[in-house]
Amino acid sequence: MNRSIETLKEIYKPYRYTYKGNAIILESTNGNVVVKERKKDLNNLFSYLKSRSFDNFPNIIDDSRSDIDVYEYIEDIKYPKEQRANDLIDLVANLHNKTSYYKDVTEDNYKEIYENIKSNLDYYSYIYEKYFDDFFKEIYLSPSKYLFMRNYSKINANINFCKTQLDNWYDLVSNLKKSRVSVIHNDLSLDHFLKKDKGYLISWDKSIVDTPILDLVNFYKKEYLSLNFDNLLKNYINSFKLNDEELKLFLILISIPPTIEFDNDEFNSCIRLRKQLDYIYKTENLIRPYYSKDKKEK
């Protein structure tokens, strides 16, 4: 890659180059370009997206080398974070709308999803119960252990709630023969969204075809503390309506508690555990209206 970049410097003769994440911005009197290591050939994906009238990504202007790609440079506009998040959600809903289709599936496909999630929940139940039993025997608890013990009932209830809802989801999908999939970006974050004349998604290296809710789950887990997801989720569903099994699986996946771990650094353990508990409480507030609605309808 270094040799290719040196060649590009000879071609573009930049007066400055800047490292930004995994990209290098070459600035020259003839314009700016972005250089990225090629982790995945994206030409077929971009051609397909354009055929579906979705062109919200930087164009590749030079792919003649095997190890790097050169992209057009998008000058990002600075504006409020909440507005940026809404624009990102609108764009992702548009991506899912234009690339979604139903594929044939068997019961084994849903069973595999069910068993993977159930296995994770069973592991959490085991490890957190072990934490509780071990800490209960201690006479003097550290602050992080005391914080865990005070909130253990909430953590345990959260896991049991996920198990119950997972069983309900499996009952809902066990007889389905089709599943909706779409192109998903699979690495959504505010850092991967640019706004100029329109919105652009960058960093498509992890993109796959899968259930659309994975984009929402990934974005939520990255930005849950900094954004109001009540409105974001409503805006997404207004643009791309989730069916019952998709919405239920999304609510289950975001409700699964983060992995709780302790280490010798008590200060870091407290901070990490507090964030994990904040995730549980904030997610509970987010999903409550959807289950309240179900109860009213019944």
C-alpha atoms as a PDB file:
ATOM      1  CA  MET A   1       0.000   0.000   0.000  1.00  0.00           C
ATOM      2  CA  ASN A   2       2.805   2.443   0.813  1.00  0.00           C
ATOM      3  CA  ARG A   3       4.272   2.038  -2.678  1.00  0.00           C
ATOM      4  CA  SER A   4       0.884   2.730  -4.284  1.00  0.00           C
ATOM      5  CA  ILE A   5       0.409   5.842  -2.149  1.00  0.00           C
ATOM      6  CA  GLU A   6       3.822   7.154  -3.138  1.00  0.00           C
ATOM      7  CA  THR A   7       2.816   6.649  -6.781  1.00  0.00           C
ATOM      8  CA  LEU A   8      -0.401   8.568  -6.197  1.00  0.00           C
ATOM      9  CA  LYS A   9       1.547  11.413  -4.653  1.00  0.00           C
ATOM     10  CA  GLU A  10       3.539  11.656  -7.862  1.00  0.00           C
ATOM     11  CA  ILE A  11       0.300  11.729  -9.894  1.00  0.00           C
ATOM     12  CA  TYR A  12      -1.730  14.170  -7.787  1.00  0.00           C
ATOM     13  CA  LYS A  13       1.202  16.164  -6.375  1.00  0.00           C
ATOM     14  CA  PRO A  14      -0.589  17.016  -3.118  1.00  0.00           C
ATOM     15  CA  TYR A  15       0.539  20.000  -1.075  1.00  0.00           C
ATOM     16  CA  ARG A  16      -0.884  18.263   1.977  1.00  0.00           C
ATOM     17  CA  TYR A  17      -2.146  14.847   2.952  1.00  0.00           C
ATOM     18  CA  THR A  18      -4.151  14.038   6.053  1.00  0.00           C
ATOM     19  CA  TYR A  19      -4.850  10.734   7.752  1.00  0.00           C
ATOM     20  CA  LYS A  20      -8.496  10.434   8.783  1.00  0.00           C
ATOM     21  CA  GLY A  21      -9.457   7.070  10.235  1.00  0.00           C
ATOM     22  CA  ASN A  22      -8.544   4.433   7.662  1.00  0.00           C
ATOM     23  CA  ALA A  23      -8.390   6.954   4.829  1.00  0.00           C
ATOM     24  CA  ILE A  24      -5.827   9.418   3.514  1.00  0.00           C
ATOM     25  CA  ILE A  25      -6.994  12.734   2.061  1.00  0.00           C
ATOM     26  CA  LEU A  26      -4.707  14.076  -0.669  1.00  0.00           C
ATOM     27  CA  GLU A  27      -5.156  17.825  -1.156  1.00  0.00           C
ATOM     28  CA  SER A  28      -3.851  19.356  -4.372  1.00  0.00           C
ATOM     29  CA  THR A  29      -4.422  22.419  -6.519  1.00  0.00           C
ATOM     30  CA  ASN A  30      -6.418  20.208  -8.922  1.00  0.00           C
ATOM     31  CA  GLY A  31      -8.801  19.047  -6.205  1.00  0.00           C
ATOM     32  CA  ASN A  32      -8.882  16.595  -3.330  1.00  0.00           C
ATOM     33  CA  VAL A  33      -9.189  12.810  -3.388  1.00  0.00           C
ATOM     34  CA  VAL A  34      -9.552  10.133  -0.728  1.00  0.00           C
ATOM     35  CA  VAL A  35      -7.349   7.044  -0.702  1.00  0.00           C
ATOM     36  CA  LYS A  36      -8.403   3.878   1.118  1.00  0.00           C
ATOM     37  CA  GLU A  37      -6.943   0.416   1.414  1.00  0.00           C
ATOM     38  CA  ARG A  38      -9.064  -2.020  -0.576  1.00  0.00           C
ATOM     39  CA  LYS A  39     -10.538  -4.556   1.817  1.00  0.00           C
ATOM     40  CA  LYS A  40     -13.381  -5.495  -0.504  1.00  0.00           C
ATOM     41  CA  ASP A  41     -14.159  -4.930  -4.178  1.00  0.00           C
ATOM     42  CA  LEU A  42     -17.112  -2.544  -4.046  1.00  0.00           C
ATOM     43  CA  ASN A  43     -17.630  -1.957  -7.773  1.00  0.00           C
ATOM     44  CA  ASN A  44     -20.355  -4.585  -8.142  1.00  0.00           C
ATOM     45  CA  LEU A  45     -22.140  -3.310  -5.048  1.00  0.00           C
ATOM     46  CA  PHE A  46     -22.065   0.307  -6.232  1.00  0.00           C
ATOM     47  CA  SER A  47     -23.262  -0.702  -9.703  1.00  0.00           C
ATOM     48  CA  TYR A  48     -26.156  -2.595  -8.165  1.00  0.00           C
ATOM     49  CA  LEU A  49     -27.065   0.317  -5.895  1.00  0.00           C
ATOM     50  CA  LYS A  50     -27.071   2.711  -8.843  1.00  0.00           C
ATOM     51  CA  SER A  51     -29.363   0.308 -10.723  1.00  0.00           C
ATOM     52  CA  ARG A  52     -31.746   0.624  -7.769  1.00  0.00           C
ATOM     53  CA  SER A  53     -31.577   4.447  -7.970  1.00  0.00           C
ATOM     54  CA  PHE A  54     -29.416   4.743  -4.868  1.00  0.00           C
ATOM     55  CA  ASP A  55     -26.233   6.727  -5.467  1.00  0.00           C
ATOM     56  CA  ASN A  56     -25.552   8.131  -2.010  1.00  0.00           C
ATOM     57  CA  PHE A  57     -21.902   7.118  -1.800  1.00  0.00           C
ATOM     58  CA  PRO A  58     -18.625   8.602  -3.021  1.00  0.00           C
ATOM     59  CA  ASN A  59     -17.661   7.435  -6.510  1.00  0.00           C
ATOM     60  CA  ILE A  60     -14.516   5.398  -7.065  1.00  0.00           C
ATOM     61  CA  ILE A  61     -12.415   7.396  -9.518  1.00  0.00           C
ATOM     62  CA  ASP A  62      -9.393   5.078  -9.703  1.00  0.00           C
ATOM     63  CA  ASP A  63      -9.399   1.336  -8.991  1.00  0.00           C
ATOM     64  CA  SER A  64      -6.451   0.414 -11.201  1.00  0.00           C
ATOM     65  CA  ARG A  65      -4.328  -0.817  -8.284  1.00  0.00           C
ATOM     66  CA  SER A  66      -4.934  -4.053  -6.423  1.00  0.00           C
ATOM     67  CA  ASP A  67      -4.397  -2.713  -2.905  1.00  0.00           C
ATOM     68  CA  ILE A  68      -6.068   0.731  -2.809  1.00  0.00           C
ATOM     69  CA  ASP A  69      -9.010   2.664  -4.234  1.00  0.00           C
ATOM     70  CA  VAL A  70      -9.206   6.388  -4.910  1.00  0.00           C
ATOM     71  CA  TYR A  71     -12.547   8.049  -4.139  1.00  0.00           C
ATOM     72  CA  GLU A  72     -13.974  11.446  -4.876  1.00  0.00           C
ATOM     73  CA  TYR A  73     -13.683  13.813  -1.930  1.00  0.00           C
ATOM     74  CA  ILE A  74     -16.921  14.973  -0.280  1.00  0.00           C
ATOM     75  CA  GLU A  75     -16.681  18.239   1.659  1.00  0.00           C
ATOM     76  CA  ASP A  76     -18.838  17.602   4.725  1.00  0.00           C
ATOM     77  CA  ILE A  77     -21.201  20.282   6.071  1.00  0.00           C
ATOM     78  CA  LYS A  78     -21.131  20.858   9.813  1.00  0.00           C
ATOM     79  CA  TYR A  79     -24.552  20.968  11.433  1.00  0.00           C
ATOM     80  CA  PRO A  80     -26.302  19.739  14.632  1.00  0.00           C
ATOM     81  CA  LYS A  81     -25.832  16.107  15.599  1.00  0.00           C
ATOM     82  CA  GLU A  82     -29.539  15.322  16.011  1.00  0.00           C
ATOM     83  CA  GLN A  83     -30.320  16.650  12.521  1.00  0.00           C
ATOM     84  CA  ARG A  84     -27.411  14.643  11.121  1.00  0.00           C
ATOM     85  CA  ALA A  85     -28.754  11.489  12.794  1.00  0.00           C
ATOM     86  CA  ASN A  86     -32.222  12.077  11.318  1.00  0.00           C
ATOM     87  CA  ASP A  87     -30.729  12.533   7.854  1.00  0.00           C
ATOM     88  CA  LEU A  88     -28.716   9.339   8.322  1.00  0.00           C
ATOM     89  CA  ILE A  89     -31.808   7.365   9.376  1.00  0.00           C
ATOM     90  CA  ASP A  90     -33.787   8.691   6.398  1.00  0.00           C
ATOM     91  CA  LEU A  91     -30.971   7.668   4.065  1.00  0.00           C
ATOM     92  CA  VAL A  92     -30.681   4.177   5.542  1.00  0.00           C
ATOM     93  CA  ALA A  93     -34.451   3.668   5.290  1.00  0.00           C
ATOM     94  CA  ASN A  94     -34.173   4.676   1.622  1.00  0.00           C
ATOM     95  CA  LEU A  95     -31.334   2.169   1.106  1.00  0.00           C
ATOM     96  CA  HIS A  96     -33.435  -0.613   2.642  1.00  0.00           C
ATOM     97  CA  ASN A  97     -36.523   0.383   0.653  1.00  0.00           C
ATOM     98  CA  LYS A  98     -34.718   0.308  -2.672  1.00  0.00           C
ATOM     99  CA  THR A  99     -32.817  -2.953  -2.149  1.00  0.00           C
ATOM    100  CA  SER A 100     -35.192  -5.119  -0.100  1.00  0.00           C
ATOM    101  CA  TYR A 101     -36.714  -8.376  -1.318  1.00  0.00           C
ATOM    102  CA  TYR A 102     -38.048 -11.598   0.154  1.00  0.00           C
ATOM    103  CA  LYS A 103     -35.980 -14.767  -0.014  1.00  0.00           C
ATOM    104  CA  ASP A 104     -37.009 -18.325   0.693  1.00  0.00           C
ATOM    105  CA  VAL A 105     -35.997 -19.679   4.089  1.00  0.00           C
ATOM    106  CA  THR A 106     -36.537 -22.850   6.054  1.00  0.00           C
ATOM    107  CA  GLU A 107     -37.380 -23.342   9.698  1.00  0.00           C
ATOM    108  CA  ASP A 108     -33.705 -24.154  10.267  1.00  0.00           C
ATOM    109  CA  ASN A 109     -32.748 -20.579   9.346  1.00  0.00           C
ATOM    110  CA  TYR A 110     -34.917 -19.135  12.089  1.00  0.00           C
ATOM    111  CA  LYS A 111     -33.962 -21.934  14.468  1.00  0.00           C
ATOM    112  CA  GLU A 112     -30.291 -21.065  14.079  1.00  0.00           C
ATOM    113  CA  ILE A 113     -30.978 -17.414  14.961  1.00  0.00           C
ATOM    114  CA  TYR A 114     -33.063 -18.519  17.941  1.00  0.00           C
ATOM    115  CA  GLU A 115     -30.437 -20.908  19.270  1.00  0.00           C
ATOM    116  CA  ASN A 116     -27.579 -18.411  18.883  1.00  0.00           C
ATOM    117  CA  ILE A 117     -29.415 -15.711  20.826  1.00  0.00           C
ATOM    118  CA  LYS A 118     -30.679 -18.207  23.415  1.00  0.00           C
ATOM    119  CA  SER A 119     -27.130 -19.493  23.920  1.00  0.00           C
ATOM    120  CA  ASN A 120     -25.861 -15.964  24.586  1.00  0.00           C
ATOM    121  CA  LEU A 121     -28.667 -15.274  27.044  1.00  0.00           C
ATOM    122  CA  ASP A 122     -28.030 -18.541  28.880  1.00  0.00           C
ATOM    123  CA  TYR A 123     -24.361 -17.628  29.151  1.00  0.00           C
ATOM    124  CA  TYR A 124     -25.219 -14.225  30.617  1.00  0.00           C
ATOM    125  CA  SER A 125     -27.597 -15.838  33.110  1.00  0.00           C
ATOM    126  CA  TYR A 126     -24.893 -18.234  34.233  1.00  0.00           C
ATOM    127  CA  ILE A 127     -22.035 -15.738  34.531  1.00  0.00           C
ATOM    128  CA  TYR A 128     -24.087 -13.030  36.265  1.00  0.00           C
ATOM    129  CA  GLU A 129     -25.574 -15.513  38.729  1.00  0.00           C
ATOM    130  CA  LYS A 130     -22.027 -16.647  39.476  1.00  0.00           C
ATOM    131  CA  TYR A 131     -20.982 -13.028  40.049  1.00  0.00           C
ATOM    132  CA  PHE A 132     -23.894 -12.622  42.452  1.00  0.00           C
ATOM    133  CA  ASP A 133     -23.073 -15.780  44.414  1.00  0.00           C
ATOM    134  CA  ASP A 134     -19.378 -14.915  44.652  1.00  0.00           C
ATOM    135  CA  PHE A 135     -19.937 -11.306  45.664  1.00  0.00           C
ATOM    136  CA  PHE A 136     -22.577 -12.284  48.210  1.00  0.00           C
ATOM    137  CA  LYS A 137     -19.918 -14.177  50.154  1.00  0.00           C
ATOM    138  CA  GLU A 138     -17.670 -11.132  50.442  1.00  0.00           C
ATOM    139  CA  ILE A 139     -17.860  -9.047  53.621  1.00  0.00           C
ATOM    140  CA  TYR A 140     -16.641  -5.769  52.103  1.00  0.00           C
ATOM    141  CA  LEU A 141     -17.624  -5.086  48.521  1.00  0.00           C
ATOM    142  CA  SER A 142     -15.732  -2.827  46.161  1.00  0.00           C
ATOM    143  CA  PRO A 143     -17.806   0.050  44.657  1.00  0.00           C
ATOM    144  CA  SER A 144     -18.219  -1.734  41.311  1.00  0.00           C
ATOM    145  CA  LYS A 145     -19.336  -4.988  42.956  1.00  0.00           C
ATOM    146  CA  TYR A 146     -21.726  -3.101  45.200  1.00  0.00           C
ATOM    147  CA  LEU A 147     -23.163  -1.347  42.126  1.00  0.00           C
ATOM    148  CA  PHE A 148     -23.643  -4.711  40.447  1.00  0.00           C
ATOM    149  CA  MET A 149     -25.349  -6.267  43.492  1.00  0.00           C
ATOM    150  CA  ARG A 150     -27.758  -3.335  43.819  1.00  0.00           C
ATOM    151  CA  ASN A 151     -28.788  -3.730  40.173  1.00  0.00           C
ATOM    152  CA  TYR A 152     -28.630  -7.521  39.847  1.00  0.00           C
ATOM    153  CA  SER A 153     -32.409  -7.938  39.964  1.00  0.00           C
ATOM    154  CA  LYS A 154     -32.763  -5.474  37.072  1.00  0.00           C
ATOM    155  CA  ILE A 155     -30.055  -7.228  35.046  1.00  0.00           C
ATOM    156  CA  ASN A 156     -31.591 -10.646  35.703  1.00  0.00           C
ATOM    157  CA  ALA A 157     -35.096  -9.412  34.861  1.00  0.00           C
ATOM    158  CA  ASN A 158     -33.749  -7.948  31.636  1.00  0.00           C
ATOM    159  CA  ILE A 159     -32.278 -11.307  30.587  1.00  0.00           C
ATOM    160  CA  ASN A 160     -35.466 -13.182  31.470  1.00  0.00           C
ATOM    161  CA  PHE A 161     -37.505 -10.637  29.513  1.00  0.00           C
ATOM    162  CA  CYS A 162     -35.313 -11.267  26.453  1.00  0.00           C
ATOM    163  CA  LYS A 163     -35.754 -15.034  26.820  1.00  0.00           C
ATOM    164  CA  THR A 164     -39.527 -14.711  26.976  1.00  0.00           C
ATOM    165  CA  GLN A 165     -39.676 -12.390  23.986  1.00  0.00           C
ATOM    166  CA  LEU A 166     -37.309 -14.648  22.049  1.00  0.00           C
ATOM    167  CA  ASP A 167     -39.672 -17.587  22.571  1.00  0.00           C
ATOM    168  CA  ASN A 168     -42.553 -15.404  21.383  1.00  0.00           C
ATOM    169  CA  TRP A 169     -40.579 -14.377  18.311  1.00  0.00           C
ATOM    170  CA  TYR A 170     -39.765 -17.986  17.464  1.00  0.00           C
ATOM    171  CA  ASP A 171     -43.445 -18.934  17.706  1.00  0.00           C
ATOM    172  CA  LEU A 172     -44.181 -16.088  15.301  1.00  0.00           C
ATOM    173  CA  VAL A 173     -41.622 -17.096  12.656  1.00  0.00           C
ATOM    174  CA  SER A 174     -41.546 -20.878  12.943  1.00  0.00           C
ATOM    175  CA  ASN A 175     -44.041 -21.322  10.093  1.00  0.00           C
ATOM    176  CA  LEU A 176     -42.773 -18.534   7.837  1.00  0.00           C
ATOM    177  CA  LYS A 177     -41.274 -19.528   4.495  1.00  0.00           C
ATOM    178  CA  LYS A 178     -39.819 -16.177   3.477  1.00  0.00           C
ATOM    179  CA  SER A 179     -37.645 -13.539   5.079  1.00  0.00           C
ATOM    180  CA  ARG A 180     -37.044  -9.949   4.012  1.00  0.00           C
ATOM    181  CA  VAL A 181     -33.455  -8.949   3.343  1.00  0.00           C
ATOM    182  CA  SER A 182     -31.753  -5.918   1.857  1.00  0.00           C
ATOM    183  CA  VAL A 183     -28.344  -4.434   1.346  1.00  0.00           C
ATOM    184  CA  ILE A 184     -27.199  -3.250   4.746  1.00  0.00           C
ATOM    185  CA  HIS A 185     -24.268  -0.946   5.388  1.00  0.00           C
ATOM    186  CA  ASN A 186     -23.412  -2.957   8.524  1.00  0.00           C
ATOM    187  CA  ASP A 187     -21.159  -0.292  10.036  1.00  0.00           C
ATOM    188  CA  LEU A 188     -23.458   2.665  10.588  1.00  0.00           C
ATOM    189  CA  SER A 189     -22.192   5.580  12.624  1.00  0.00           C
ATOM    190  CA  LEU A 190     -22.328   9.348  12.405  1.00  0.00           C
ATOM    191  CA  ASP A 191     -18.663   9.229  11.355  1.00  0.00           C
ATOM    192  CA  HIS A 192     -19.690   7.282   8.253  1.00  0.00           C
ATOM    193  CA  PHE A 193     -22.241   9.858   7.101  1.00  0.00           C
ATOM    194  CA  LEU A 194     -21.412  13.001   5.116  1.00  0.00           C
ATOM    195  CA  LYS A 195     -23.694  15.781   3.929  1.00  0.00           C
ATOM    196  CA  LYS A 196     -23.079  18.067   0.983  1.00  0.00           C
ATOM    197  CA  ASP A 197     -25.647  18.463  -1.797  1.00  0.00           C
ATOM    198  CA  LYS A 198     -27.195  15.246  -0.429  1.00  0.00           C
ATOM    199  CA  GLY A 199     -26.365  12.591   2.141  1.00  0.00           C
ATOM    200  CA  TYR A 200     -23.523  10.132   1.558  1.00  0.00           C
ATOM    201  CA  LEU A 201     -22.662   6.871   3.303  1.00  0.00           C
ATOM    202  CA  ILE A 202     -18.971   6.009   3.362  1.00  0.00           C
ATOM    203  CA  SER A 203     -16.972   2.958   4.520  1.00  0.00           C
ATOM    204  CA  TRP A 204     -18.935   0.153   2.857  1.00  0.00           C
ATOM    205  CA  ASP A 205     -16.357  -2.567   3.501  1.00  0.00           C
ATOM    206  CA  LYS A 206     -18.612  -4.497   5.912  1.00  0.00           C
ATOM    207  CA  SER A 207     -21.748  -4.293   3.767  1.00  0.00           C
ATOM    208  CA  ILE A 208     -23.753  -7.491   3.277  1.00  0.00           C
ATOM    209  CA  VAL A 209     -27.235  -8.642   2.332  1.00  0.00           C
ATOM    210  CA  ASP A 210     -29.151  -9.452   5.512  1.00  0.00           C
ATOM    211  CA  THR A 211     -32.106  -8.385   7.615  1.00  0.00           C
ATOM    212  CA  PRO A 212     -32.438  -4.566   7.614  1.00  0.00           C
ATOM    213  CA  ILE A 213     -32.753  -4.386  11.401  1.00  0.00           C
ATOM    214  CA  LEU A 214     -29.035  -5.114  11.808  1.00  0.00           C
ATOM    215  CA  ASP A 215     -28.234  -1.590  10.645  1.00  0.00           C
ATOM    216  CA  LEU A 216     -30.529  -0.203  13.344  1.00  0.00           C
ATOM    217  CA  VAL A 217     -29.087  -2.467  16.036  1.00  0.00           C
ATOM    218  CA  ASN A 218     -25.492  -1.515  15.198  1.00  0.00           C
ATOM    219  CA  PHE A 219     -26.279   2.192  15.073  1.00  0.00           C
ATOM    220  CA  TYR A 220     -28.203   2.083  18.355  1.00  0.00           C
ATOM    221  CA  LYS A 221     -25.411   0.319  20.229  1.00  0.00           C
ATOM    222  CA  LYS A 222     -22.909   2.939  19.066  1.00  0.00           C
ATOM    223  CA  GLU A 223     -24.992   6.039  19.705  1.00  0.00           C
ATOM    224  CA  TYR A 224     -27.565   5.116  22.379  1.00  0.00           C
ATOM    225  CA  LEU A 225     -26.190   7.574  24.940  1.00  0.00           C
ATOM    226  CA  SER A 226     -25.843  10.582  22.677  1.00  0.00           C
ATOM    227  CA  LEU A 227     -29.074  10.535  20.640  1.00  0.00           C
ATOM    228  CA  ASN A 228     -32.847  10.476  21.144  1.00  0.00           C
ATOM    229  CA  PHE A 229     -33.757   7.185  19.503  1.00  0.00           C
ATOM    230  CA  ASP A 230     -37.482   7.541  20.152  1.00  0.00           C
ATOM    231  CA  ASN A 231     -37.838   9.904  17.206  1.00  0.00           C
ATOM    232  CA  LEU A 232     -35.180   8.217  15.100  1.00  0.00           C
ATOM    233  CA  LEU A 233     -36.904   4.840  15.306  1.00  0.00           C
ATOM    234  CA  LYS A 234     -40.313   6.367  14.555  1.00  0.00           C
ATOM    235  CA  ASN A 235     -38.884   8.190  11.524  1.00  0.00           C
ATOM    236  CA  TYR A 236     -37.295   4.991  10.241  1.00  0.00           C
ATOM    237  CA  ILE A 237     -40.493   2.947  10.636  1.00  0.00           C
ATOM    238  CA  ASN A 238     -42.524   5.682   8.921  1.00  0.00           C
ATOM    239  CA  SER A 239     -40.210   5.407   5.909  1.00  0.00           C
ATOM    240  CA  PHE A 240     -39.595   1.646   5.997  1.00  0.00           C
ATOM    241  CA  LYS A 241     -42.306  -0.209   7.875  1.00  0.00           C
ATOM    242  CA  LEU A 242     -40.992  -3.167   9.827  1.00  0.00           C
ATOM    243  CA  ASN A 243     -43.186  -6.244   9.907  1.00  0.00           C
ATOM    244  CA  ASP A 244     -44.083  -7.849  13.239  1.00  0.00           C
ATOM    245  CA  GLU A 245     -41.255 -10.375  13.342  1.00  0.00           C
ATOM    246  CA  GLU A 246     -38.640  -7.792  12.314  1.00  0.00           C
ATOM    247  CA  LEU A 247     -39.717  -5.279  14.948  1.00  0.00           C
ATOM    248  CA  LYS A 248     -39.853  -7.947  17.663  1.00  0.00           C
ATOM    249  CA  LEU A 249     -36.378  -9.243  16.797  1.00  0.00           C
ATOM    250  CA  PHE A 250     -34.993  -5.701  16.740  1.00  0.00           C
ATOM    251  CA  LEU A 251     -36.403  -4.989  20.213  1.00  0.00           C
ATOM    252  CA  ILE A 252     -34.941  -8.246  21.518  1.00  0.00           C
ATOM    253  CA  LEU A 253     -31.486  -7.622  20.067  1.00  0.00           C
ATOM    254  CA  ILE A 254     -31.147  -4.133  21.516  1.00  0.00           C
ATOM    255  CA  SER A 255     -32.513  -5.349  24.875  1.00  0.00           C
ATOM    256  CA  ILE A 256     -29.770  -7.917  25.377  1.00  0.00           C
ATOM    257  CA  PRO A 257     -27.556  -6.414  28.102  1.00  0.00           C
ATOM    258  CA  PRO A 258     -23.939  -5.535  27.336  1.00  0.00           C
ATOM    259  CA  THR A 259     -21.272  -7.919  28.601  1.00  0.00           C
ATOM    260  CA  ILE A 260     -20.406  -7.020  32.184  1.00  0.00           C
ATOM    261  CA  GLU A 261     -16.800  -7.599  33.219  1.00  0.00           C
ATOM    262  CA  PHE A 262     -14.659  -6.613  36.171  1.00  0.00           C
ATOM    263  CA  ASP A 263     -10.911  -6.020  36.317  1.00  0.00           C
ATOM    264  CA  ASN A 264      -8.267  -4.806  38.758  1.00  0.00           C
ATOM    265  CA  ASP A 265      -8.814  -1.161  37.850  1.00  0.00           C
ATOM    266  CA  GLU A 266     -11.708  -0.282  40.126  1.00  0.00           C
ATOM    267  CA  PHE A 267     -12.238   3.172  38.657  1.00  0.00           C
ATOM    268  CA  ASN A 268     -12.596   1.826  35.105  1.00  0.00           C
ATOM    269  CA  SER A 269     -14.810  -1.021  36.310  1.00  0.00           C
ATOM    270  CA  CYS A 270     -17.219   1.460  37.883  1.00  0.00           C
ATOM    271  CA  ILE A 271     -17.356   3.649  34.802  1.00  0.00           C
ATOM    272  CA  ARG A 272     -17.874   0.683  32.490  1.00  0.00           C
ATOM    273  CA  LEU A 273     -20.573  -0.874  34.670  1.00  0.00           C
ATOM    274  CA  ARG A 274     -22.389   2.459  35.017  1.00  0.00           C
ATOM    275  CA  LYS A 275     -22.497   2.776  31.212  1.00  0.00           C
ATOM    276  CA  GLN A 276     -23.783  -0.782  30.898  1.00  0.00           C
ATOM    277  CA  LEU A 277     -26.530  -0.109  33.413  1.00  0.00           C
ATOM    278  CA  ASP A 278     -27.401   3.135  31.627  1.00  0.00           C
ATOM    279  CA  TYR A 279     -27.783   1.083  28.444  1.00  0.00           C
ATOM    280  CA  ILE A 280     -30.232  -1.288  30.149  1.00  0.00           C
ATOM    281  CA  TYR A 281     -32.356   1.495  31.655  1.00  0.00           C
ATOM    282  CA  LYS A 282     -32.369   3.649  28.536  1.00  0.00           C
ATOM    283  CA  THR A 283     -33.273   0.714  26.299  1.00  0.00           C
ATOM    284  CA  GLU A 284     -36.092  -0.271  28.622  1.00  0.00           C
ATOM    285  CA  ASN A 285     -37.571   3.224  28.249  1.00  0.00           C
ATOM    286  CA  LEU A 286     -37.208   3.068  24.471  1.00  0.00           C
ATOM    287  CA  ILE A 287     -38.974  -0.269  23.985  1.00  0.00           C
ATOM    288  CA  ARG A 288     -41.705   0.142  26.644  1.00  0.00           C
ATOM    289  CA  PRO A 289     -44.218   1.935  24.350  1.00  0.00           C
ATOM    290  CA  TYR A 290     -44.052  -0.887  21.792  1.00  0.00           C
ATOM    291  CA  TYR A 291     -44.996  -3.504  24.374  1.00  0.00           C
ATOM    292  CA  SER A 292     -47.604  -1.221  25.942  1.00  0.00           C
ATOM    293  CA  LYS A 293     -49.173  -0.955  22.498  1.00  0.00           C
ATOM    294  CA  ASP A 294     -49.290  -4.744  22.192  1.00  0.00           C
ATOM    295  CA  LYS A 295     -51.085  -5.047  25.536  1.00  0.00           C
ATOM    296  CA  LYS A 296     -53.690  -2.430  24.550  1.00  0.00           C
ATOM    297  CA  GLU A 297     -54.373  -4.194  21.253  1.00  0.00           C
ATOM    298  CA  LYS A 298     -54.882  -7.508  23.059  1.00  0.00           C
END
